[in-house]
């Protein structure tokens, strides 16, 4: 597991911002497969509102 706090980057950004960025990166990594599966589903079947939206 990588550290939540990068000391060299902390000189440029607030510590809380560094932690939040790391949490977002972790969430994206953890959910990458589910996002890819959903995107494949949408590519194949479209989204539920395809028939009703006007744009």
PDB file of N, CA and C in Angstrom:
ATOM      1  N   UNK A   1       0.847  -1.184   0.000  1.00  0.00           N
ATOM      2  CA  UNK A   1       0.000   0.000   0.000  1.00  0.00           C
ATOM      3  C   UNK A   1       0.886   1.238   0.000  1.00  0.00           C
ATOM      4  N   UNK A   2       0.515   2.204  -0.818  1.00  0.00           N
ATOM      5  CA  UNK A   2       1.290   3.429  -0.886  1.00  0.00           C
ATOM      6  C   UNK A   2       0.890   4.361   0.251  1.00  0.00           C
ATOM      7  N   UNK A   3       1.818   5.218   0.625  1.00  0.00           N
ATOM      8  CA  UNK A   3       1.552   6.167   1.699  1.00  0.00           C
ATOM      9  C   UNK A   3       0.480   7.151   1.274  1.00  0.00           C
ATOM     10  N   UNK A   4      -0.326   7.603   2.238  1.00  0.00           N
ATOM     11  CA  UNK A   4      -1.354   8.600   1.965  1.00  0.00           C
ATOM     12  C   UNK A   4      -0.774  10.002   1.884  1.00  0.00           C
ATOM     13  N   UNK A   5       0.461  10.171   2.261  1.00  0.00           N
ATOM     14  CA  UNK A   5       1.026  11.503   2.385  1.00  0.00           C
ATOM     15  C   UNK A   5       2.392  11.550   1.723  1.00  0.00           C
ATOM     16  N   UNK A   6       2.534  12.384   0.704  1.00  0.00           N
ATOM     17  CA  UNK A   6       3.789  12.573  -0.009  1.00  0.00           C
ATOM     18  C   UNK A   6       4.400  13.882   0.469  1.00  0.00           C
ATOM     19  N   UNK A   7       5.491  13.820   1.209  1.00  0.00           N
ATOM     20  CA  UNK A   7       6.042  15.021   1.845  1.00  0.00           C
ATOM     21  C   UNK A   7       6.510  16.060   0.848  1.00  0.00           C
ATOM     22  N   UNK A   8       7.066  15.654  -0.285  1.00  0.00           N
ATOM     23  CA  UNK A   8       7.507  16.650  -1.260  1.00  0.00           C
ATOM     24  C   UNK A   8       6.322  17.370  -1.887  1.00  0.00           C
ATOM     25  N   UNK A   9       5.247  16.655  -2.129  1.00  0.00           N
ATOM     26  CA  UNK A   9       4.057  17.288  -2.688  1.00  0.00           C
ATOM     27  C   UNK A   9       3.356  18.162  -1.654  1.00  0.00           C
ATOM     28  N   UNK A  10       3.543  17.847  -0.384  1.00  0.00           N
ATOM     29  CA  UNK A  10       2.908  18.621   0.676  1.00  0.00           C
ATOM     30  C   UNK A  10       3.407  20.055   0.705  1.00  0.00           C
ATOM     31  N   UNK A  11       4.574  20.279   0.174  1.00  0.00           N
ATOM     32  CA  UNK A  11       5.084  21.643   0.107  1.00  0.00           C
ATOM     33  C   UNK A  11       4.287  22.476  -0.886  1.00  0.00           C
ATOM     34  N   UNK A  12       3.646  21.819  -1.834  1.00  0.00           N
ATOM     35  CA  UNK A  12       2.866  22.514  -2.844  1.00  0.00           C
ATOM     36  C   UNK A  12       1.376  22.502  -2.555  1.00  0.00           C
ATOM     37  N   UNK A  13       0.882  21.512  -1.853  1.00  0.00           N
ATOM     38  CA  UNK A  13      -0.538  21.390  -1.569  1.00  0.00           C
ATOM     39  C   UNK A  13      -0.744  21.125  -0.087  1.00  0.00           C
ATOM     40  N   UNK A  14      -1.935  21.467   0.380  1.00  0.00           N
ATOM     41  CA  UNK A  14      -2.286  21.208   1.774  1.00  0.00           C
ATOM     42  C   UNK A  14      -2.368  19.698   2.013  1.00  0.00           C
ATOM     43  N   UNK A  15      -2.017  19.248   3.204  1.00  0.00           N
ATOM     44  CA  UNK A  15      -2.076  17.805   3.500  1.00  0.00           C
ATOM     45  C   UNK A  15      -3.457  17.199   3.253  1.00  0.00           C
ATOM     46  N   UNK A  16      -4.511  17.905   3.598  1.00  0.00           N
ATOM     47  CA  UNK A  16      -5.855  17.360   3.385  1.00  0.00           C
ATOM     48  C   UNK A  16      -6.138  17.148   1.904  1.00  0.00           C
ATOM     49  N   UNK A  17      -5.634  18.047   1.065  1.00  0.00           N
ATOM     50  CA  UNK A  17      -5.816  17.889  -0.378  1.00  0.00           C
ATOM     51  C   UNK A  17      -5.071  16.663  -0.885  1.00  0.00           C
ATOM     52  N   UNK A  18      -3.881  16.420  -0.362  1.00  0.00           N
ATOM     53  CA  UNK A  18      -3.107  15.243  -0.744  1.00  0.00           C
ATOM     54  C   UNK A  18      -3.847  13.961  -0.371  1.00  0.00           C
ATOM     55  N   UNK A  19      -4.402  13.925   0.824  1.00  0.00           N
ATOM     56  CA  UNK A  19      -5.145  12.743   1.269  1.00  0.00           C
ATOM     57  C   UNK A  19      -6.375  12.533   0.401  1.00  0.00           C
ATOM     58  N   UNK A  20      -7.097  13.606   0.104  1.00  0.00           N
ATOM     59  CA  UNK A  20      -8.293  13.489  -0.734  1.00  0.00           C
ATOM     60  C   UNK A  20      -7.940  12.987  -2.134  1.00  0.00           C
ATOM     61  N   UNK A  21      -6.880  13.503  -2.722  1.00  0.00           N
ATOM     62  CA  UNK A  21      -6.465  13.040  -4.040  1.00  0.00           C
ATOM     63  C   UNK A  21      -6.112  11.556  -4.022  1.00  0.00           C
ATOM     64  N   UNK A  22      -5.452  11.112  -2.975  1.00  0.00           N
ATOM     65  CA  UNK A  22      -5.095   9.702  -2.853  1.00  0.00           C
ATOM     66  C   UNK A  22      -6.346   8.845  -2.689  1.00  0.00           C
ATOM     67  N   UNK A  23      -7.319   9.318  -1.924  1.00  0.00           N
ATOM     68  CA  UNK A  23      -8.557   8.578  -1.739  1.00  0.00           C
ATOM     69  C   UNK A  23      -9.319   8.450  -3.055  1.00  0.00           C
ATOM     70  N   UNK A  24      -9.342   9.524  -3.835  1.00  0.00           N
ATOM     71  CA  UNK A  24     -10.007   9.477  -5.140  1.00  0.00           C
ATOM     72  C   UNK A  24      -9.301   8.479  -6.054  1.00  0.00           C
ATOM     73  N   UNK A  25      -7.982   8.520  -6.070  1.00  0.00           N
ATOM     74  CA  UNK A  25      -7.214   7.585  -6.897  1.00  0.00           C
ATOM     75  C   UNK A  25      -7.478   6.144  -6.467  1.00  0.00           C
ATOM     76  N   UNK A  26      -7.548   5.902  -5.167  1.00  0.00           N
ATOM     77  CA  UNK A  26      -7.839   4.560  -4.666  1.00  0.00           C
ATOM     78  C   UNK A  26      -9.233   4.110  -5.073  1.00  0.00           C
ATOM     79  N   UNK A  27     -10.222   5.022  -4.980  1.00  0.00           N
ATOM     80  CA  UNK A  27     -11.594   4.683  -5.357  1.00  0.00           C
ATOM     81  C   UNK A  27     -11.651   4.318  -6.834  1.00  0.00           C
ATOM     82  N   UNK A  28     -10.997   5.119  -7.676  1.00  0.00           N
ATOM     83  CA  UNK A  28     -10.995   4.827  -9.105  1.00  0.00           C
ATOM     84  C   UNK A  28     -10.347   3.479  -9.398  1.00  0.00           C
ATOM     85  N   UNK A  29      -9.238   3.189  -8.735  1.00  0.00           N
ATOM     86  CA  UNK A  29      -8.562   1.908  -8.932  1.00  0.00           C
ATOM     87  C   UNK A  29      -9.448   0.751  -8.474  1.00  0.00           C
ATOM     88  N   UNK A  30     -10.101   0.910  -7.325  1.00  0.00           N
ATOM     89  CA  UNK A  30     -10.960  -0.143  -6.785  1.00  0.00           C
ATOM     90  C   UNK A  30     -12.182  -0.398  -7.663  1.00  0.00           C
ATOM     91  N   UNK A  31     -12.660   0.619  -8.362  1.00  0.00           N
ATOM     92  CA  UNK A  31     -13.898   0.512  -9.134  1.00  0.00           C
ATOM     93  C   UNK A  31     -13.682   0.478 -10.646  1.00  0.00           C
ATOM     94  N   UNK A  32     -12.445   0.382 -11.069  1.00  0.00           N
ATOM     95  CA  UNK A  32     -12.128   0.412 -12.493  1.00  0.00           C
ATOM     96  C   UNK A  32     -12.853  -0.685 -13.276  1.00  0.00           C
ATOM     97  N   UNK A  33     -12.895  -1.878 -12.761  1.00  0.00           N
ATOM     98  CA  UNK A  33     -13.546  -2.994 -13.461  1.00  0.00           C
ATOM     99  C   UNK A  33     -15.049  -2.748 -13.586  1.00  0.00           C
ATOM    100  N   UNK A  34     -15.682  -2.288 -12.530  1.00  0.00           N
ATOM    101  CA  UNK A  34     -17.124  -2.026 -12.567  1.00  0.00           C
ATOM    102  C   UNK A  34     -17.445  -0.900 -13.552  1.00  0.00           C
ATOM    103  N   UNK A  35     -16.626   0.132 -13.580  1.00  0.00           N
ATOM    104  CA  UNK A  35     -16.838   1.238 -14.509  1.00  0.00           C
ATOM    105  C   UNK A  35     -16.685   0.747 -15.949  1.00  0.00           C
ATOM    106  N   UNK A  36     -15.690  -0.061 -16.198  1.00  0.00           N
ATOM    107  CA  UNK A  36     -15.479  -0.604 -17.543  1.00  0.00           C
ATOM    108  C   UNK A  36     -16.655  -1.488 -17.955  1.00  0.00           C
ATOM    109  N   UNK A  37     -17.152  -2.317 -17.036  1.00  0.00           N
ATOM    110  CA  UNK A  37     -18.313  -3.158 -17.340  1.00  0.00           C
ATOM    111  C   UNK A  37     -19.534  -2.322 -17.658  1.00  0.00           C
ATOM    112  N   UNK A  38     -19.772  -1.287 -16.886  1.00  0.00           N
ATOM    113  CA  UNK A  38     -20.912  -0.402 -17.139  1.00  0.00           C
ATOM    114  C   UNK A  38     -20.773   0.281 -18.495  1.00  0.00           C
ATOM    115  N   UNK A  39     -19.583   0.760 -18.816  1.00  0.00           N
ATOM    116  CA  UNK A  39     -19.368   1.418 -20.106  1.00  0.00           C
ATOM    117  C   UNK A  39     -19.609   0.462 -21.272  1.00  0.00           C
ATOM    118  N   UNK A  40     -19.189  -0.793 -21.132  1.00  0.00           N
ATOM    119  CA  UNK A  40     -19.459  -1.786 -22.170  1.00  0.00           C
ATOM    120  C   UNK A  40     -20.963  -2.014 -22.315  1.00  0.00           C
ATOM    121  N   UNK A  41     -21.657  -2.092 -21.192  1.00  0.00           N
ATOM    122  CA  UNK A  41     -23.114  -2.272 -21.213  1.00  0.00           C
ATOM    123  C   UNK A  41     -23.795  -1.102 -21.928  1.00  0.00           C
ATOM    124  N   UNK A  42     -23.393   0.112 -21.622  1.00  0.00           N
ATOM    125  CA  UNK A  42     -23.977   1.292 -22.257  1.00  0.00           C
ATOM    126  C   UNK A  42     -23.664   1.308 -23.749  1.00  0.00           C
ATOM    127  N   UNK A  43     -22.442   0.933 -24.117  1.00  0.00           N
ATOM    128  CA  UNK A  43     -22.089   0.877 -25.533  1.00  0.00           C
ATOM    129  C   UNK A  43     -22.974  -0.112 -26.290  1.00  0.00           C
ATOM    130  N   UNK A  44     -23.295  -1.211 -25.645  1.00  0.00           N
ATOM    131  CA  UNK A  44     -24.077  -2.258 -26.300  1.00  0.00           C
ATOM    132  C   UNK A  44     -25.578  -1.973 -26.262  1.00  0.00           C
ATOM    133  N   UNK A  45     -26.085  -1.491 -25.105  1.00  0.00           N
ATOM    134  CA  UNK A  45     -27.523  -1.371 -24.904  1.00  0.00           C
ATOM    135  C   UNK A  45     -28.014   0.073 -24.814  1.00  0.00           C
ATOM    136  N   UNK A  46     -27.124   1.028 -24.693  1.00  0.00           N
ATOM    137  CA  UNK A  46     -27.535   2.418 -24.468  1.00  0.00           C
ATOM    138  C   UNK A  46     -27.923   2.627 -23.011  1.00  0.00           C
ATOM    139  N   UNK A  47     -28.438   3.812 -22.721  1.00  0.00           N
ATOM    140  CA  UNK A  47     -28.880   4.117 -21.364  1.00  0.00           C
ATOM    141  C   UNK A  47     -30.398   4.125 -21.311  1.00  0.00           C
ATOM    142  N   UNK A  48     -30.944   4.071 -20.115  1.00  0.00           N
ATOM    143  CA  UNK A  48     -32.385   3.922 -19.958  1.00  0.00           C
ATOM    144  C   UNK A  48     -33.180   5.060 -20.581  1.00  0.00           C
ATOM    145  N   UNK A  49     -32.593   6.230 -20.712  1.00  0.00           N
ATOM    146  CA  UNK A  49     -33.349   7.388 -21.204  1.00  0.00           C
ATOM    147  C   UNK A  49     -33.141   7.660 -22.690  1.00  0.00           C
ATOM    148  N   UNK A  50     -32.502   6.767 -23.418  1.00  0.00           N
ATOM    149  CA  UNK A  50     -32.257   6.994 -24.837  1.00  0.00           C
ATOM    150  C   UNK A  50     -33.541   7.265 -25.616  1.00  0.00           C
ATOM    151  N   UNK A  51     -34.623   6.600 -25.244  1.00  0.00           N
ATOM    152  CA  UNK A  51     -35.887   6.757 -25.970  1.00  0.00           C
ATOM    153  C   UNK A  51     -36.653   8.018 -25.609  1.00  0.00           C
ATOM    154  N   UNK A  52     -36.342   8.654 -24.483  1.00  0.00           N
ATOM    155  CA  UNK A  52     -37.132   9.807 -24.050  1.00  0.00           C
ATOM    156  C   UNK A  52     -36.402  11.140 -24.096  1.00  0.00           C
ATOM    157  N   UNK A  53     -35.108  11.137 -24.125  1.00  0.00           N
ATOM    158  CA  UNK A  53     -34.385  12.414 -24.150  1.00  0.00           C
ATOM    159  C   UNK A  53     -34.405  13.000 -25.554  1.00  0.00           C
ATOM    160  N   UNK A  54     -34.295  14.306 -25.626  1.00  0.00           N
ATOM    161  CA  UNK A  54     -34.421  14.996 -26.904  1.00  0.00           C
ATOM    162  C   UNK A  54     -33.148  15.722 -27.311  1.00  0.00           C
ATOM    163  N   UNK A  55     -32.010  15.361 -26.780  1.00  0.00           N
ATOM    164  CA  UNK A  55     -30.766  16.014 -27.177  1.00  0.00           C
ATOM    165  C   UNK A  55     -29.803  15.016 -27.761  1.00  0.00           C
TER     166      UNK A  55
END
